Amino acid sequence: MDTDKLSSGTCAISRGLALVGDAWSALILRDASLGMTQFDQFRTSLGIAPNILSRRLKALTEAGVLEKRRYSERPPRDEYVLTQAGRDFLPILAAMGEWGRRYNGGGRALSHLVDDRTGQPIDAVVVDGNTGKPLRDTPMHLVMPTV
Protein backbone atom coordinates (compact mmCIF):
# COMPACT_ATOMS: atom_id res chain seq x y z
CA MET A 1 0.00 0.00 0.00
CA ASP A 2 1.38 3.39 -0.98
CA THR A 3 0.78 5.48 2.15
CA ASP A 4 2.38 8.54 0.54
CA LYS A 5 -0.23 8.43 -2.21
CA LEU A 6 -3.03 7.84 0.32
CA SER A 7 -1.94 10.66 2.61
CA SER A 8 -1.77 13.24 -0.17
CA GLY A 9 -4.98 12.37 -2.01
CA THR A 10 -8.27 14.24 -2.04
CA CYS A 11 -10.16 11.59 -0.06
CA ALA A 12 -10.30 12.34 3.67
CA ILE A 13 -10.85 8.64 4.41
CA SER A 14 -7.62 7.63 2.66
CA ARG A 15 -5.72 10.43 4.40
CA GLY A 16 -7.01 9.21 7.78
CA LEU A 17 -6.18 5.60 6.96
CA ALA A 18 -2.65 6.62 5.98
CA LEU A 19 -2.14 7.75 9.59
CA VAL A 20 -3.93 5.11 11.65
CA GLY A 21 -5.35 2.61 9.18
CA ASP A 22 -3.64 -0.58 10.25
CA ALA A 23 -4.82 -2.78 13.10
CA TRP A 24 -1.65 -2.35 15.17
CA SER A 25 -1.91 1.44 15.13
CA ALA A 26 -5.56 1.38 16.16
CA LEU A 27 -4.82 -1.07 18.97
CA ILE A 28 -1.88 1.02 20.18
CA LEU A 29 -4.21 4.03 20.34
CA ARG A 30 -6.79 1.91 22.18
CA ASP A 31 -4.16 0.92 24.75
CA ALA A 32 -2.94 4.51 25.06
CA SER A 33 -6.52 5.55 25.81
CA LEU A 34 -6.54 2.92 28.57
CA GLY A 35 -3.54 4.67 30.14
CA MET A 36 -0.66 2.66 28.76
CA THR A 37 2.33 4.81 27.90
CA GLN A 38 5.42 2.62 27.91
CA PHE A 39 6.87 0.44 25.18
CA ASP A 40 6.80 -2.72 27.30
CA GLN A 41 3.18 -2.11 28.31
CA PHE A 42 2.14 -1.94 24.65
CA ARG A 43 4.29 -4.95 23.76
CA THR A 44 2.86 -7.10 26.56
CA SER A 45 -0.75 -6.05 25.94
CA LEU A 46 -0.62 -6.59 22.18
CA GLY A 47 1.85 -9.45 21.85
CA ILE A 48 3.46 -7.43 19.05
CA ALA A 49 7.02 -7.89 17.82
CA PRO A 50 9.31 -5.12 19.13
CA ASN A 51 10.41 -4.00 15.65
CA ILE A 52 6.79 -3.62 14.47
CA LEU A 53 5.85 -1.76 17.66
CA SER A 54 8.82 0.60 17.23
CA ARG A 55 7.78 1.40 13.65
CA ARG A 56 4.14 2.00 14.61
CA LEU A 57 5.03 4.22 17.59
CA LYS A 58 7.38 6.23 15.38
CA ALA A 59 4.72 6.63 12.68
CA LEU A 60 2.02 7.63 15.20
CA THR A 61 4.41 10.14 16.77
CA GLU A 62 5.38 11.61 13.39
CA ALA A 63 1.66 11.83 12.50
CA GLY A 64 1.07 13.87 15.66
CA VAL A 65 -1.30 11.33 17.21
CA LEU A 66 1.09 10.38 20.01
CA GLU A 67 3.71 12.49 21.74
CA LYS A 68 7.02 10.95 22.80
CA ARG A 69 8.23 12.15 26.20
CA ARG A 70 11.45 11.23 27.99
CA TYR A 71 10.72 9.99 31.51
CA SER A 72 14.14 8.55 32.41
CA GLU A 73 17.63 9.67 31.41
CA ARG A 74 19.48 6.64 32.83
CA PRO A 75 18.67 4.41 31.17
CA PRO A 76 17.01 6.53 28.48
CA ARG A 77 13.32 5.70 28.45
CA ASP A 78 10.42 7.37 26.68
CA GLU A 79 6.68 7.23 27.12
CA TYR A 80 4.00 7.80 24.52
CA VAL A 81 0.93 9.86 25.35
CA LEU A 82 -2.08 10.82 23.28
CA THR A 83 -2.06 14.26 21.72
CA GLN A 84 -5.27 16.15 21.01
CA ALA A 85 -5.36 14.40 17.63
CA GLY A 86 -5.05 11.07 19.45
CA ARG A 87 -7.84 11.96 21.88
CA ASP A 88 -9.97 13.03 18.92
CA PHE A 89 -9.53 9.50 17.53
CA LEU A 90 -11.23 7.92 20.57
CA PRO A 91 -14.77 8.41 19.23
CA ILE A 92 -13.68 6.63 16.05
CA LEU A 93 -12.41 3.71 18.12
CA ALA A 94 -15.67 3.73 20.07
CA ALA A 95 -17.68 3.61 16.84
CA MET A 96 -15.50 0.75 15.57
CA GLY A 97 -16.07 -1.07 18.86
CA GLU A 98 -19.83 -0.63 18.64
CA TRP A 99 -19.80 -1.86 15.05
CA GLY A 100 -17.69 -4.86 16.11
CA ARG A 101 -20.07 -5.69 18.96
CA ARG A 102 -23.04 -5.47 16.61
CA TYR A 103 -21.64 -7.53 13.74
CA ASN A 104 -18.94 -9.64 15.37
CA GLY A 105 -20.32 -9.73 18.90
CA GLY A 106 -19.27 -13.16 20.09
CA GLY A 107 -17.81 -12.97 23.57
CA ARG A 108 -17.86 -10.30 26.23
CA ALA A 109 -16.50 -6.83 25.49
CA LEU A 110 -13.48 -6.15 27.68
CA SER A 111 -13.45 -2.39 27.21
CA HIS A 112 -16.03 0.33 26.90
CA LEU A 113 -16.20 4.08 27.17
CA VAL A 114 -17.48 5.76 30.31
CA ASP A 115 -18.34 9.40 30.97
CA ASP A 116 -15.52 10.86 33.12
CA ARG A 117 -18.01 12.99 35.05
CA THR A 118 -20.68 10.39 35.80
CA GLY A 119 -18.92 7.05 35.42
CA GLN A 120 -21.84 5.88 33.28
CA PRO A 121 -21.22 3.77 30.16
CA ILE A 122 -21.36 5.61 26.85
CA ASP A 123 -23.31 4.15 23.95
CA ALA A 124 -21.22 5.33 21.02
CA VAL A 125 -23.36 6.50 18.12
CA VAL A 126 -22.16 8.53 15.15
CA VAL A 127 -24.59 11.36 14.48
CA ASP A 128 -25.09 14.03 11.86
CA GLY A 129 -23.80 17.22 13.45
CA ASN A 130 -26.45 19.26 11.62
CA THR A 131 -29.49 17.26 12.70
CA GLY A 132 -28.33 15.12 15.61
CA LYS A 133 -29.79 12.05 13.87
CA PRO A 134 -27.83 8.77 14.03
CA LEU A 135 -26.10 8.14 10.71
CA ARG A 136 -27.04 4.45 10.78
CA ASP A 137 -30.69 5.56 10.50
CA THR A 138 -30.01 8.00 7.66
CA PRO A 139 -30.12 6.96 3.99
CA MET A 140 -26.80 8.16 2.60
CA HIS A 141 -23.95 7.53 0.22
CA LEU A 142 -20.41 8.79 -0.18
CA VAL A 143 -19.65 11.38 -2.87
CA MET A 144 -16.17 11.76 -4.29
CA PRO A 145 -15.07 15.12 -5.65
CA THR A 146 -14.56 15.35 -9.37
CA VAL A 147 -11.03 16.23 -10.34
C-alpha atoms as a PDB file:
ATOM      1  CA  MET A   1       0.000   0.000   0.000  1.00  0.00           C
ATOM      2  CA  ASP A   2       1.384   3.387  -0.980  1.00  0.00           C
ATOM      3  CA  THR A   3       0.784   5.480   2.154  1.00  0.00           C
ATOM      4  CA  ASP A   4       2.381   8.536   0.543  1.00  0.00           C
ATOM      5  CA  LYS A   5      -0.228   8.427  -2.213  1.00  0.00           C
ATOM      6  CA  LEU A   6      -3.027   7.839   0.320  1.00  0.00           C
ATOM      7  CA  SER A   7      -1.942  10.658   2.612  1.00  0.00           C
ATOM      8  CA  SER A   8      -1.771  13.244  -0.166  1.00  0.00           C
ATOM      9  CA  GLY A   9      -4.980  12.368  -2.006  1.00  0.00           C
ATOM     10  CA  THR A  10      -8.267  14.242  -2.043  1.00  0.00           C
ATOM     11  CA  CYS A  11     -10.157  11.587  -0.061  1.00  0.00           C
ATOM     12  CA  ALA A  12     -10.297  12.340   3.668  1.00  0.00           C
ATOM     13  CA  ILE A  13     -10.848   8.644   4.413  1.00  0.00           C
ATOM     14  CA  SER A  14      -7.625   7.633   2.658  1.00  0.00           C
ATOM     15  CA  ARG A  15      -5.718  10.431   4.398  1.00  0.00           C
ATOM     16  CA  GLY A  16      -7.009   9.210   7.777  1.00  0.00           C
ATOM     17  CA  LEU A  17      -6.180   5.602   6.955  1.00  0.00           C
ATOM     18  CA  ALA A  18      -2.653   6.621   5.976  1.00  0.00           C
ATOM     19  CA  LEU A  19      -2.142   7.755   9.595  1.00  0.00           C
ATOM     20  CA  VAL A  20      -3.931   5.111  11.651  1.00  0.00           C
ATOM     21  CA  GLY A  21      -5.346   2.609   9.176  1.00  0.00           C
ATOM     22  CA  ASP A  22      -3.641  -0.575  10.252  1.00  0.00           C
ATOM     23  CA  ALA A  23      -4.816  -2.782  13.105  1.00  0.00           C
ATOM     24  CA  TRP A  24      -1.646  -2.351  15.166  1.00  0.00           C
ATOM     25  CA  SER A  25      -1.912   1.437  15.128  1.00  0.00           C
ATOM     26  CA  ALA A  26      -5.565   1.384  16.160  1.00  0.00           C
ATOM     27  CA  LEU A  27      -4.816  -1.069  18.966  1.00  0.00           C
ATOM     28  CA  ILE A  28      -1.882   1.024  20.182  1.00  0.00           C
ATOM     29  CA  LEU A  29      -4.214   4.029  20.337  1.00  0.00           C
ATOM     30  CA  ARG A  30      -6.786   1.911  22.182  1.00  0.00           C
ATOM     31  CA  ASP A  31      -4.164   0.922  24.746  1.00  0.00           C
ATOM     32  CA  ALA A  32      -2.938   4.510  25.055  1.00  0.00           C
ATOM     33  CA  SER A  33      -6.521   5.551  25.806  1.00  0.00           C
ATOM     34  CA  LEU A  34      -6.543   2.918  28.573  1.00  0.00           C
ATOM     35  CA  GLY A  35      -3.543   4.669  30.142  1.00  0.00           C
ATOM     36  CA  MET A  36      -0.655   2.655  28.758  1.00  0.00           C
ATOM     37  CA  THR A  37       2.327   4.807  27.901  1.00  0.00           C
ATOM     38  CA  GLN A  38       5.415   2.625  27.912  1.00  0.00           C
ATOM     39  CA  PHE A  39       6.871   0.441  25.178  1.00  0.00           C
ATOM     40  CA  ASP A  40       6.799  -2.716  27.300  1.00  0.00           C
ATOM     41  CA  GLN A  41       3.179  -2.107  28.306  1.00  0.00           C
ATOM     42  CA  PHE A  42       2.140  -1.941  24.651  1.00  0.00           C
ATOM     43  CA  ARG A  43       4.287  -4.955  23.757  1.00  0.00           C
ATOM     44  CA  THR A  44       2.858  -7.100  26.563  1.00  0.00           C
ATOM     45  CA  SER A  45      -0.749  -6.050  25.943  1.00  0.00           C
ATOM     46  CA  LEU A  46      -0.623  -6.586  22.185  1.00  0.00           C
ATOM     47  CA  GLY A  47       1.853  -9.451  21.849  1.00  0.00           C
ATOM     48  CA  ILE A  48       3.457  -7.426  19.052  1.00  0.00           C
ATOM     49  CA  ALA A  49       7.022  -7.885  17.822  1.00  0.00           C
ATOM     50  CA  PRO A  50       9.312  -5.123  19.127  1.00  0.00           C
ATOM     51  CA  ASN A  51      10.411  -3.998  15.645  1.00  0.00           C
ATOM     52  CA  ILE A  52       6.793  -3.622  14.468  1.00  0.00           C
ATOM     53  CA  LEU A  53       5.849  -1.757  17.656  1.00  0.00           C
ATOM     54  CA  SER A  54       8.817   0.600  17.226  1.00  0.00           C
ATOM     55  CA  ARG A  55       7.779   1.404  13.646  1.00  0.00           C
ATOM     56  CA  ARG A  56       4.141   2.003  14.609  1.00  0.00           C
ATOM     57  CA  LEU A  57       5.034   4.216  17.592  1.00  0.00           C
ATOM     58  CA  LYS A  58       7.385   6.234  15.378  1.00  0.00           C
ATOM     59  CA  ALA A  59       4.723   6.634  12.679  1.00  0.00           C
ATOM     60  CA  LEU A  60       2.017   7.632  15.199  1.00  0.00           C
ATOM     61  CA  THR A  61       4.413  10.138  16.766  1.00  0.00           C
ATOM     62  CA  GLU A  62       5.375  11.605  13.386  1.00  0.00           C
ATOM     63  CA  ALA A  63       1.664  11.831  12.503  1.00  0.00           C
ATOM     64  CA  GLY A  64       1.070  13.869  15.661  1.00  0.00           C
ATOM     65  CA  VAL A  65      -1.305  11.327  17.210  1.00  0.00           C
ATOM     66  CA  LEU A  66       1.091  10.380  20.009  1.00  0.00           C
ATOM     67  CA  GLU A  67       3.711  12.493  21.739  1.00  0.00           C
ATOM     68  CA  LYS A  68       7.018  10.953  22.798  1.00  0.00           C
ATOM     69  CA  ARG A  69       8.231  12.155  26.204  1.00  0.00           C
ATOM     70  CA  ARG A  70      11.447  11.233  27.994  1.00  0.00           C
ATOM     71  CA  TYR A  71      10.721   9.987  31.515  1.00  0.00           C
ATOM     72  CA  SER A  72      14.136   8.548  32.406  1.00  0.00           C
ATOM     73  CA  GLU A  73      17.627   9.671  31.410  1.00  0.00           C
ATOM     74  CA  ARG A  74      19.483   6.642  32.826  1.00  0.00           C
ATOM     75  CA  PRO A  75      18.667   4.406  31.173  1.00  0.00           C
ATOM     76  CA  PRO A  76      17.013   6.528  28.482  1.00  0.00           C
ATOM     77  CA  ARG A  77      13.315   5.700  28.454  1.00  0.00           C
ATOM     78  CA  ASP A  78      10.419   7.368  26.676  1.00  0.00           C
ATOM     79  CA  GLU A  79       6.679   7.230  27.116  1.00  0.00           C
ATOM     80  CA  TYR A  80       3.998   7.799  24.516  1.00  0.00           C
ATOM     81  CA  VAL A  81       0.926   9.857  25.349  1.00  0.00           C
ATOM     82  CA  LEU A  82      -2.082  10.820  23.285  1.00  0.00           C
ATOM     83  CA  THR A  83      -2.060  14.265  21.722  1.00  0.00           C
ATOM     84  CA  GLN A  84      -5.275  16.153  21.006  1.00  0.00           C
ATOM     85  CA  ALA A  85      -5.361  14.402  17.633  1.00  0.00           C
ATOM     86  CA  GLY A  86      -5.054  11.066  19.445  1.00  0.00           C
ATOM     87  CA  ARG A  87      -7.840  11.956  21.882  1.00  0.00           C
ATOM     88  CA  ASP A  88      -9.975  13.033  18.917  1.00  0.00           C
ATOM     89  CA  PHE A  89      -9.535   9.502  17.526  1.00  0.00           C
ATOM     90  CA  LEU A  90     -11.229   7.919  20.568  1.00  0.00           C
ATOM     91  CA  PRO A  91     -14.775   8.409  19.228  1.00  0.00           C
ATOM     92  CA  ILE A  92     -13.683   6.633  16.048  1.00  0.00           C
ATOM     93  CA  LEU A  93     -12.406   3.711  18.123  1.00  0.00           C
ATOM     94  CA  ALA A  94     -15.674   3.726  20.067  1.00  0.00           C
ATOM     95  CA  ALA A  95     -17.684   3.612  16.842  1.00  0.00           C
ATOM     96  CA  MET A  96     -15.500   0.750  15.574  1.00  0.00           C
ATOM     97  CA  GLY A  97     -16.071  -1.068  18.858  1.00  0.00           C
ATOM     98  CA  GLU A  98     -19.832  -0.631  18.638  1.00  0.00           C
ATOM     99  CA  TRP A  99     -19.803  -1.864  15.054  1.00  0.00           C
ATOM    100  CA  GLY A 100     -17.686  -4.861  16.106  1.00  0.00           C
ATOM    101  CA  ARG A 101     -20.068  -5.687  18.964  1.00  0.00           C
ATOM    102  CA  ARG A 102     -23.035  -5.472  16.612  1.00  0.00           C
ATOM    103  CA  TYR A 103     -21.638  -7.531  13.735  1.00  0.00           C
ATOM    104  CA  ASN A 104     -18.941  -9.645  15.369  1.00  0.00           C
ATOM    105  CA  GLY A 105     -20.322  -9.733  18.895  1.00  0.00           C
ATOM    106  CA  GLY A 106     -19.266 -13.157  20.088  1.00  0.00           C
ATOM    107  CA  GLY A 107     -17.810 -12.967  23.570  1.00  0.00           C
ATOM    108  CA  ARG A 108     -17.862 -10.297  26.226  1.00  0.00           C
ATOM    109  CA  ALA A 109     -16.504  -6.826  25.489  1.00  0.00           C
ATOM    110  CA  LEU A 110     -13.477  -6.147  27.676  1.00  0.00           C
ATOM    111  CA  SER A 111     -13.446  -2.395  27.213  1.00  0.00           C
ATOM    112  CA  HIS A 112     -16.034   0.325  26.895  1.00  0.00           C
ATOM    113  CA  LEU A 113     -16.200   4.083  27.169  1.00  0.00           C
ATOM    114  CA  VAL A 114     -17.478   5.759  30.309  1.00  0.00           C
ATOM    115  CA  ASP A 115     -18.335   9.395  30.967  1.00  0.00           C
ATOM    116  CA  ASP A 116     -15.519  10.859  33.118  1.00  0.00           C
ATOM    117  CA  ARG A 117     -18.013  12.988  35.045  1.00  0.00           C
ATOM    118  CA  THR A 118     -20.675  10.389  35.799  1.00  0.00           C
ATOM    119  CA  GLY A 119     -18.922   7.045  35.422  1.00  0.00           C
ATOM    120  CA  GLN A 120     -21.838   5.876  33.280  1.00  0.00           C
ATOM    121  CA  PRO A 121     -21.222   3.768  30.162  1.00  0.00           C
ATOM    122  CA  ILE A 122     -21.357   5.612  26.853  1.00  0.00           C
ATOM    123  CA  ASP A 123     -23.310   4.146  23.954  1.00  0.00           C
ATOM    124  CA  ALA A 124     -21.216   5.334  21.018  1.00  0.00           C
ATOM    125  CA  VAL A 125     -23.360   6.496  18.118  1.00  0.00           C
ATOM    126  CA  VAL A 126     -22.156   8.527  15.146  1.00  0.00           C
ATOM    127  CA  VAL A 127     -24.585  11.364  14.480  1.00  0.00           C
ATOM    128  CA  ASP A 128     -25.086  14.032  11.856  1.00  0.00           C
ATOM    129  CA  GLY A 129     -23.795  17.221  13.446  1.00  0.00           C
ATOM    130  CA  ASN A 130     -26.446  19.263  11.622  1.00  0.00           C
ATOM    131  CA  THR A 131     -29.491  17.262  12.698  1.00  0.00           C
ATOM    132  CA  GLY A 132     -28.335  15.122  15.614  1.00  0.00           C
ATOM    133  CA  LYS A 133     -29.793  12.052  13.874  1.00  0.00           C
ATOM    134  CA  PRO A 134     -27.827   8.771  14.034  1.00  0.00           C
ATOM    135  CA  LEU A 135     -26.098   8.143  10.712  1.00  0.00           C
ATOM    136  CA  ARG A 136     -27.036   4.450  10.781  1.00  0.00           C
ATOM    137  CA  ASP A 137     -30.694   5.561  10.500  1.00  0.00           C
ATOM    138  CA  THR A 138     -30.010   7.996   7.655  1.00  0.00           C
ATOM    139  CA  PRO A 139     -30.116   6.964   3.988  1.00  0.00           C
ATOM    140  CA  MET A 140     -26.798   8.165   2.597  1.00  0.00           C
ATOM    141  CA  HIS A 141     -23.947   7.535   0.225  1.00  0.00           C
ATOM    142  CA  LEU A 142     -20.407   8.795  -0.179  1.00  0.00           C
ATOM    143  CA  VAL A 143     -19.653  11.382  -2.872  1.00  0.00           C
ATOM    144  CA  MET A 144     -16.167  11.765  -4.287  1.00  0.00           C
ATOM    145  CA  PRO A 145     -15.072  15.122  -5.649  1.00  0.00           C
ATOM    146  CA  THR A 146     -14.557  15.351  -9.374  1.00  0.00           C
ATOM    147  CA  VAL A 147     -11.032  16.232 -10.344  1.00  0.00           C
END
